[in-house]
Amino acid sequence: MMKHPFPDLIDMVMDKSEPGWSVNSIQIGEKHMNTNNVAHGAVLYALADTGMGSALYPTLDEGQVCATIEIKMSYFKPVFAGKVVCRTEMINRGKTIANLESRLYVDDVLVAQANGNYAIFRIRKDAAGQPD
């Protein structure tokens, strides 16, 4: 898998990643909380977004990359503590757009769900080899 330093910033762990699905997690700690002592929504969003990318990336051809177009995130229950596990599966993959779904759990309780669309493309480079 490609090096991805952002997850280290929030202690995210990539548990499994295969073409079309992934499992990643975060043990909620003090640094993940908002002012109400609930896990910040951005932490859960980051789990879903990273999980989706991790499920999609192994399906890409050499030279292709992917980027988030949009994610719809629904939060069902507040997370005060525990390990949040994000299970992601690819719903559909076309030539240029893929759709994925993530479900986030604490223990066996569904706390959030996300559906995302991702662009699949090649980065064009100019004559000097820089991104165009």
N, C-alpha and C. Protein backbone atom coordinates (compact mmCIF):
# COMPACT_ATOMS: atom_id res chain seq x y z
N MET A 1 0.84 -1.19 0.00
CA MET A 1 0.00 0.00 0.00
C MET A 1 0.88 1.25 0.00
N MET A 2 0.40 2.29 -0.62
CA MET A 2 1.10 3.55 -0.71
C MET A 2 1.27 4.20 0.67
N LYS A 3 2.40 4.87 0.91
CA LYS A 3 2.62 5.56 2.17
C LYS A 3 1.60 6.68 2.31
N HIS A 4 1.01 6.77 3.48
CA HIS A 4 -0.05 7.73 3.74
C HIS A 4 0.12 8.24 5.17
N PRO A 5 0.82 9.38 5.37
CA PRO A 5 1.17 9.81 6.72
C PRO A 5 0.02 10.37 7.57
N PHE A 6 -1.07 10.81 6.96
CA PHE A 6 -2.14 11.43 7.75
C PHE A 6 -2.68 10.53 8.86
N PRO A 7 -2.95 9.25 8.61
CA PRO A 7 -3.51 8.41 9.68
C PRO A 7 -2.68 8.41 10.97
N ASP A 8 -1.36 8.53 10.84
CA ASP A 8 -0.51 8.56 12.03
C ASP A 8 -0.83 9.76 12.93
N LEU A 9 -1.26 10.85 12.34
CA LEU A 9 -1.57 12.05 13.13
C LEU A 9 -2.71 11.82 14.12
N ILE A 10 -3.63 10.93 13.75
CA ILE A 10 -4.79 10.69 14.63
C ILE A 10 -4.82 9.26 15.17
N ASP A 11 -3.70 8.57 15.05
CA ASP A 11 -3.55 7.20 15.56
C ASP A 11 -4.49 6.20 14.89
N MET A 12 -4.77 6.41 13.62
CA MET A 12 -5.60 5.48 12.85
C MET A 12 -4.77 4.25 12.49
N VAL A 13 -5.41 3.10 12.55
CA VAL A 13 -4.75 1.84 12.21
C VAL A 13 -5.46 1.22 11.01
N MET A 14 -4.67 0.82 10.00
CA MET A 14 -5.24 0.11 8.87
C MET A 14 -5.17 -1.37 9.21
N ASP A 15 -6.31 -1.96 9.53
CA ASP A 15 -6.35 -3.36 9.95
C ASP A 15 -6.28 -4.32 8.78
N LYS A 16 -7.03 -4.05 7.71
CA LYS A 16 -7.04 -4.91 6.52
C LYS A 16 -7.37 -4.05 5.30
N SER A 17 -6.76 -4.37 4.18
CA SER A 17 -7.07 -3.68 2.94
C SER A 17 -6.90 -4.66 1.80
N GLU A 18 -7.97 -4.84 1.05
CA GLU A 18 -7.99 -5.73 -0.12
C GLU A 18 -8.71 -4.98 -1.23
N PRO A 19 -8.56 -5.43 -2.47
CA PRO A 19 -9.31 -4.77 -3.54
C PRO A 19 -10.82 -4.80 -3.26
N GLY A 20 -11.39 -3.63 -3.09
CA GLY A 20 -12.84 -3.51 -2.91
C GLY A 20 -13.34 -3.49 -1.49
N TRP A 21 -12.45 -3.66 -0.51
CA TRP A 21 -12.90 -3.57 0.88
C TRP A 21 -11.73 -3.27 1.81
N SER A 22 -12.06 -2.73 2.98
CA SER A 22 -11.02 -2.44 3.97
C SER A 22 -11.64 -2.38 5.36
N VAL A 23 -10.78 -2.49 6.36
CA VAL A 23 -11.16 -2.31 7.76
C VAL A 23 -10.07 -1.45 8.39
N ASN A 24 -10.47 -0.35 9.00
CA ASN A 24 -9.52 0.49 9.73
C ASN A 24 -10.17 0.92 11.04
N SER A 25 -9.36 1.43 11.97
CA SER A 25 -9.90 1.71 13.30
C SER A 25 -9.11 2.81 14.01
N ILE A 26 -9.74 3.33 15.05
CA ILE A 26 -9.11 4.30 15.96
C ILE A 26 -9.58 3.99 17.37
N GLN A 27 -8.63 3.97 18.29
CA GLN A 27 -8.95 3.89 19.71
C GLN A 27 -9.16 5.34 20.16
N ILE A 28 -10.37 5.68 20.54
CA ILE A 28 -10.70 7.06 20.88
C ILE A 28 -9.98 7.47 22.16
N GLY A 29 -9.33 8.62 22.08
CA GLY A 29 -8.61 9.19 23.23
C GLY A 29 -8.96 10.65 23.38
N GLU A 30 -8.33 11.28 24.34
CA GLU A 30 -8.61 12.68 24.66
C GLU A 30 -8.39 13.60 23.46
N LYS A 31 -7.37 13.33 22.65
CA LYS A 31 -7.07 14.22 21.52
C LYS A 31 -8.11 14.14 20.40
N HIS A 32 -9.01 13.16 20.45
CA HIS A 32 -10.04 13.00 19.43
C HIS A 32 -11.35 13.71 19.79
N MET A 33 -11.42 14.30 20.98
CA MET A 33 -12.68 14.85 21.49
C MET A 33 -12.93 16.28 21.02
N ASN A 34 -14.24 16.61 20.94
CA ASN A 34 -14.62 17.99 20.72
C ASN A 34 -14.87 18.65 22.08
N THR A 35 -15.39 19.86 22.10
CA THR A 35 -15.61 20.58 23.37
C THR A 35 -16.68 19.94 24.24
N ASN A 36 -17.49 19.04 23.69
CA ASN A 36 -18.54 18.35 24.46
C ASN A 36 -18.08 16.99 24.98
N ASN A 37 -16.76 16.70 24.85
CA ASN A 37 -16.20 15.40 25.25
C ASN A 37 -16.81 14.22 24.49
N VAL A 38 -17.07 14.46 23.23
CA VAL A 38 -17.54 13.44 22.29
C VAL A 38 -16.52 13.41 21.15
N ALA A 39 -16.26 12.24 20.60
CA ALA A 39 -15.33 12.17 19.47
C ALA A 39 -15.76 13.14 18.37
N HIS A 40 -14.82 13.92 17.91
CA HIS A 40 -15.10 14.92 16.87
C HIS A 40 -15.57 14.23 15.60
N GLY A 41 -16.56 14.79 14.96
CA GLY A 41 -17.08 14.21 13.72
C GLY A 41 -16.02 14.05 12.64
N ALA A 42 -15.04 14.94 12.64
CA ALA A 42 -13.98 14.86 11.63
C ALA A 42 -13.13 13.61 11.80
N VAL A 43 -13.02 13.09 13.02
CA VAL A 43 -12.27 11.86 13.25
C VAL A 43 -13.00 10.69 12.58
N LEU A 44 -14.32 10.64 12.76
CA LEU A 44 -15.09 9.57 12.13
C LEU A 44 -15.09 9.72 10.61
N TYR A 45 -15.19 10.96 10.14
CA TYR A 45 -15.15 11.24 8.71
C TYR A 45 -13.80 10.76 8.13
N ALA A 46 -12.71 11.05 8.84
CA ALA A 46 -11.38 10.64 8.37
C ALA A 46 -11.27 9.12 8.29
N LEU A 47 -11.87 8.43 9.25
CA LEU A 47 -11.89 6.96 9.19
C LEU A 47 -12.59 6.49 7.92
N ALA A 48 -13.75 7.05 7.64
CA ALA A 48 -14.51 6.65 6.45
C ALA A 48 -13.77 6.99 5.16
N ASP A 49 -13.28 8.20 5.05
CA ASP A 49 -12.59 8.64 3.83
C ASP A 49 -11.35 7.80 3.58
N THR A 50 -10.56 7.56 4.61
CA THR A 50 -9.36 6.75 4.46
C THR A 50 -9.71 5.30 4.16
N GLY A 51 -10.75 4.79 4.80
CA GLY A 51 -11.19 3.43 4.52
C GLY A 51 -11.64 3.25 3.08
N MET A 52 -12.35 4.25 2.56
CA MET A 52 -12.80 4.17 1.17
C MET A 52 -11.62 4.20 0.21
N GLY A 53 -10.69 5.12 0.45
CA GLY A 53 -9.51 5.18 -0.41
C GLY A 53 -8.71 3.89 -0.35
N SER A 54 -8.61 3.31 0.83
CA SER A 54 -7.85 2.07 1.00
C SER A 54 -8.50 0.88 0.31
N ALA A 55 -9.82 0.90 0.20
CA ALA A 55 -10.52 -0.16 -0.52
C ALA A 55 -10.42 0.03 -2.04
N LEU A 56 -10.39 1.29 -2.47
CA LEU A 56 -10.35 1.59 -3.90
C LEU A 56 -8.94 1.47 -4.48
N TYR A 57 -7.95 1.93 -3.74
CA TYR A 57 -6.59 2.02 -4.27
C TYR A 57 -6.07 0.72 -4.87
N PRO A 58 -6.29 -0.44 -4.23
CA PRO A 58 -5.76 -1.69 -4.82
C PRO A 58 -6.43 -2.09 -6.14
N THR A 59 -7.53 -1.43 -6.51
CA THR A 59 -8.20 -1.76 -7.77
C THR A 59 -7.69 -0.91 -8.93
N LEU A 60 -6.84 0.07 -8.63
CA LEU A 60 -6.38 1.00 -9.66
C LEU A 60 -5.27 0.38 -10.50
N ASP A 61 -5.24 0.78 -11.77
CA ASP A 61 -4.16 0.37 -12.66
C ASP A 61 -2.91 1.19 -12.33
N GLU A 62 -1.76 0.69 -12.75
CA GLU A 62 -0.53 1.44 -12.53
C GLU A 62 -0.65 2.82 -13.16
N GLY A 63 -0.27 3.84 -12.41
CA GLY A 63 -0.33 5.22 -12.90
C GLY A 63 -1.64 5.93 -12.57
N GLN A 64 -2.65 5.18 -12.15
CA GLN A 64 -3.92 5.81 -11.77
C GLN A 64 -3.86 6.23 -10.31
N VAL A 65 -4.63 7.27 -10.00
CA VAL A 65 -4.82 7.73 -8.63
C VAL A 65 -6.31 7.93 -8.43
N CYS A 66 -6.69 8.16 -7.17
CA CYS A 66 -8.09 8.45 -6.90
C CYS A 66 -8.17 9.65 -5.97
N ALA A 67 -9.30 10.33 -6.01
CA ALA A 67 -9.53 11.50 -5.16
C ALA A 67 -11.01 11.56 -4.80
N THR A 68 -11.27 11.98 -3.59
CA THR A 68 -12.64 12.11 -3.10
C THR A 68 -13.38 13.18 -3.89
N ILE A 69 -14.56 12.84 -4.40
CA ILE A 69 -15.44 13.82 -5.03
C ILE A 69 -16.40 14.36 -3.97
N GLU A 70 -17.05 13.43 -3.27
CA GLU A 70 -18.00 13.82 -2.22
C GLU A 70 -18.22 12.65 -1.28
N ILE A 71 -18.56 12.98 -0.05
CA ILE A 71 -18.95 11.98 0.94
C ILE A 71 -20.17 12.50 1.68
N LYS A 72 -21.18 11.65 1.80
CA LYS A 72 -22.32 11.96 2.66
C LYS A 72 -22.12 11.15 3.93
N MET A 73 -22.05 11.85 5.05
CA MET A 73 -21.79 11.21 6.34
C MET A 73 -23.01 11.36 7.22
N SER A 74 -23.46 10.26 7.81
CA SER A 74 -24.57 10.28 8.76
C SER A 74 -24.04 9.78 10.10
N TYR A 75 -24.27 10.58 11.13
CA TYR A 75 -23.85 10.24 12.49
C TYR A 75 -25.08 9.80 13.27
N PHE A 76 -25.04 8.59 13.84
CA PHE A 76 -26.21 8.04 14.53
C PHE A 76 -26.12 8.12 16.04
N LYS A 77 -24.93 7.91 16.59
CA LYS A 77 -24.77 7.90 18.05
C LYS A 77 -23.46 8.60 18.40
N PRO A 78 -23.43 9.31 19.54
CA PRO A 78 -22.17 9.93 19.96
C PRO A 78 -21.18 8.86 20.41
N VAL A 79 -19.90 9.15 20.20
CA VAL A 79 -18.84 8.24 20.63
C VAL A 79 -18.07 8.93 21.76
N PHE A 80 -18.15 8.35 22.95
CA PHE A 80 -17.49 8.90 24.12
C PHE A 80 -16.15 8.23 24.40
N ALA A 81 -16.00 6.99 24.00
CA ALA A 81 -14.79 6.23 24.26
C ALA A 81 -14.85 4.94 23.44
N GLY A 82 -13.77 4.18 23.48
CA GLY A 82 -13.76 2.88 22.83
C GLY A 82 -13.03 2.89 21.51
N LYS A 83 -13.08 1.75 20.87
CA LYS A 83 -12.45 1.58 19.56
C LYS A 83 -13.52 1.69 18.49
N VAL A 84 -13.31 2.62 17.55
CA VAL A 84 -14.22 2.76 16.41
C VAL A 84 -13.63 1.97 15.26
N VAL A 85 -14.41 1.03 14.75
CA VAL A 85 -13.99 0.19 13.63
C VAL A 85 -14.80 0.58 12.40
N CYS A 86 -14.10 0.86 11.31
CA CYS A 86 -14.74 1.26 10.06
C CYS A 86 -14.59 0.12 9.05
N ARG A 87 -15.73 -0.40 8.59
CA ARG A 87 -15.75 -1.45 7.58
C ARG A 87 -16.25 -0.85 6.27
N THR A 88 -15.46 -0.98 5.23
CA THR A 88 -15.76 -0.33 3.95
C THR A 88 -15.87 -1.37 2.85
N GLU A 89 -16.83 -1.17 1.96
CA GLU A 89 -16.90 -2.01 0.76
C GLU A 89 -17.22 -1.15 -0.45
N MET A 90 -16.68 -1.57 -1.59
CA MET A 90 -16.97 -0.88 -2.83
C MET A 90 -18.35 -1.31 -3.32
N ILE A 91 -19.16 -0.35 -3.66
CA ILE A 91 -20.50 -0.62 -4.16
C ILE A 91 -20.48 -0.74 -5.69
N ASN A 92 -19.75 0.18 -6.34
CA ASN A 92 -19.67 0.18 -7.80
C ASN A 92 -18.37 0.85 -8.22
N ARG A 93 -17.74 0.30 -9.27
CA ARG A 93 -16.54 0.93 -9.81
C ARG A 93 -16.65 0.97 -11.31
N GLY A 94 -16.67 2.20 -11.82
CA GLY A 94 -16.63 2.40 -13.25
C GLY A 94 -15.21 2.76 -13.68
N LYS A 95 -15.08 3.26 -14.91
CA LYS A 95 -13.75 3.61 -15.40
C LYS A 95 -13.21 4.88 -14.74
N THR A 96 -14.11 5.83 -14.41
CA THR A 96 -13.64 7.10 -13.87
C THR A 96 -14.24 7.48 -12.52
N ILE A 97 -15.22 6.75 -12.05
CA ILE A 97 -15.86 7.05 -10.76
C ILE A 97 -16.16 5.74 -10.03
N ALA A 98 -15.91 5.76 -8.73
CA ALA A 98 -16.25 4.62 -7.89
C ALA A 98 -17.11 5.09 -6.73
N ASN A 99 -18.01 4.22 -6.27
CA ASN A 99 -18.86 4.51 -5.12
C ASN A 99 -18.56 3.48 -4.04
N LEU A 100 -18.36 3.98 -2.82
CA LEU A 100 -18.04 3.11 -1.69
C LEU A 100 -18.90 3.46 -0.49
N GLU A 101 -19.03 2.48 0.41
CA GLU A 101 -19.82 2.70 1.61
C GLU A 101 -19.03 2.22 2.83
N SER A 102 -19.04 3.05 3.86
CA SER A 102 -18.38 2.71 5.13
C SER A 102 -19.41 2.69 6.24
N ARG A 103 -19.25 1.74 7.14
CA ARG A 103 -20.06 1.66 8.36
C ARG A 103 -19.10 1.66 9.53
N LEU A 104 -19.38 2.51 10.51
CA LEU A 104 -18.51 2.67 11.66
C LEU A 104 -19.21 2.15 12.91
N TYR A 105 -18.48 1.33 13.65
CA TYR A 105 -19.04 0.65 14.83
C TYR A 105 -18.18 0.89 16.06
N VAL A 106 -18.83 0.95 17.21
CA VAL A 106 -18.17 0.81 18.50
C VAL A 106 -18.78 -0.45 19.10
N ASP A 107 -17.94 -1.44 19.37
CA ASP A 107 -18.42 -2.77 19.70
C ASP A 107 -19.29 -3.22 18.52
N ASP A 108 -20.52 -3.60 18.72
CA ASP A 108 -21.39 -3.98 17.60
C ASP A 108 -22.45 -2.93 17.32
N VAL A 109 -22.25 -1.72 17.83
CA VAL A 109 -23.23 -0.64 17.67
C VAL A 109 -22.83 0.25 16.50
N LEU A 110 -23.73 0.40 15.53
CA LEU A 110 -23.49 1.28 14.39
C LEU A 110 -23.57 2.73 14.86
N VAL A 111 -22.47 3.47 14.75
CA VAL A 111 -22.45 4.86 15.22
C VAL A 111 -22.48 5.87 14.06
N ALA A 112 -22.08 5.44 12.86
CA ALA A 112 -22.08 6.34 11.71
C ALA A 112 -22.00 5.52 10.43
N GLN A 113 -22.40 6.17 9.33
CA GLN A 113 -22.34 5.54 8.02
C GLN A 113 -22.00 6.61 7.00
N ALA A 114 -21.25 6.22 5.97
CA ALA A 114 -20.85 7.17 4.94
C ALA A 114 -20.96 6.53 3.56
N ASN A 115 -21.29 7.34 2.58
CA ASN A 115 -21.31 6.91 1.19
C ASN A 115 -20.50 7.93 0.41
N GLY A 116 -19.52 7.45 -0.37
CA GLY A 116 -18.65 8.38 -1.08
C GLY A 116 -18.44 8.03 -2.53
N ASN A 117 -18.22 9.08 -3.32
CA ASN A 117 -17.87 8.94 -4.73
C ASN A 117 -16.44 9.44 -4.91
N TYR A 118 -15.68 8.68 -5.70
CA TYR A 118 -14.26 8.96 -5.91
C TYR A 118 -13.96 9.03 -7.39
N ALA A 119 -13.15 10.02 -7.77
CA ALA A 119 -12.67 10.13 -9.15
C ALA A 119 -11.47 9.21 -9.33
N ILE A 120 -11.39 8.59 -10.49
CA ILE A 120 -10.26 7.75 -10.87
C ILE A 120 -9.63 8.40 -12.09
N PHE A 121 -8.33 8.72 -12.03
CA PHE A 121 -7.70 9.45 -13.13
C PHE A 121 -6.19 9.26 -13.08
N ARG A 122 -5.54 9.81 -14.09
CA ARG A 122 -4.08 9.84 -14.14
C ARG A 122 -3.66 11.30 -14.00
N ILE A 123 -2.60 11.53 -13.24
CA ILE A 123 -2.10 12.90 -13.08
C ILE A 123 -1.27 13.23 -14.31
N ARG A 124 -1.69 14.28 -15.00
CA ARG A 124 -0.94 14.72 -16.18
C ARG A 124 0.26 15.54 -15.73
N LYS A 125 1.35 15.38 -16.46
CA LYS A 125 2.57 16.12 -16.13
C LYS A 125 2.99 16.96 -17.32
N ASP A 126 3.59 18.13 -17.01
CA ASP A 126 4.08 19.00 -18.07
C ASP A 126 5.42 18.47 -18.59
N ALA A 127 6.04 19.21 -19.49
CA ALA A 127 7.30 18.78 -20.11
C ALA A 127 8.41 18.59 -19.08
N ALA A 128 8.35 19.32 -17.96
CA ALA A 128 9.36 19.21 -16.92
C ALA A 128 9.06 18.08 -15.93
N GLY A 129 7.94 17.37 -16.15
CA GLY A 129 7.58 16.28 -15.27
C GLY A 129 6.80 16.71 -14.03
N GLN A 130 6.37 17.96 -14.01
CA GLN A 130 5.60 18.47 -12.88
C GLN A 130 4.10 18.28 -13.14
N PRO A 131 3.33 18.07 -12.08
CA PRO A 131 1.86 17.94 -12.28
C PRO A 131 1.30 19.14 -13.02
N ASP A 132 0.45 18.86 -13.99
CA ASP A 132 -0.14 19.90 -14.85
C ASP A 132 -1.44 20.39 -14.25
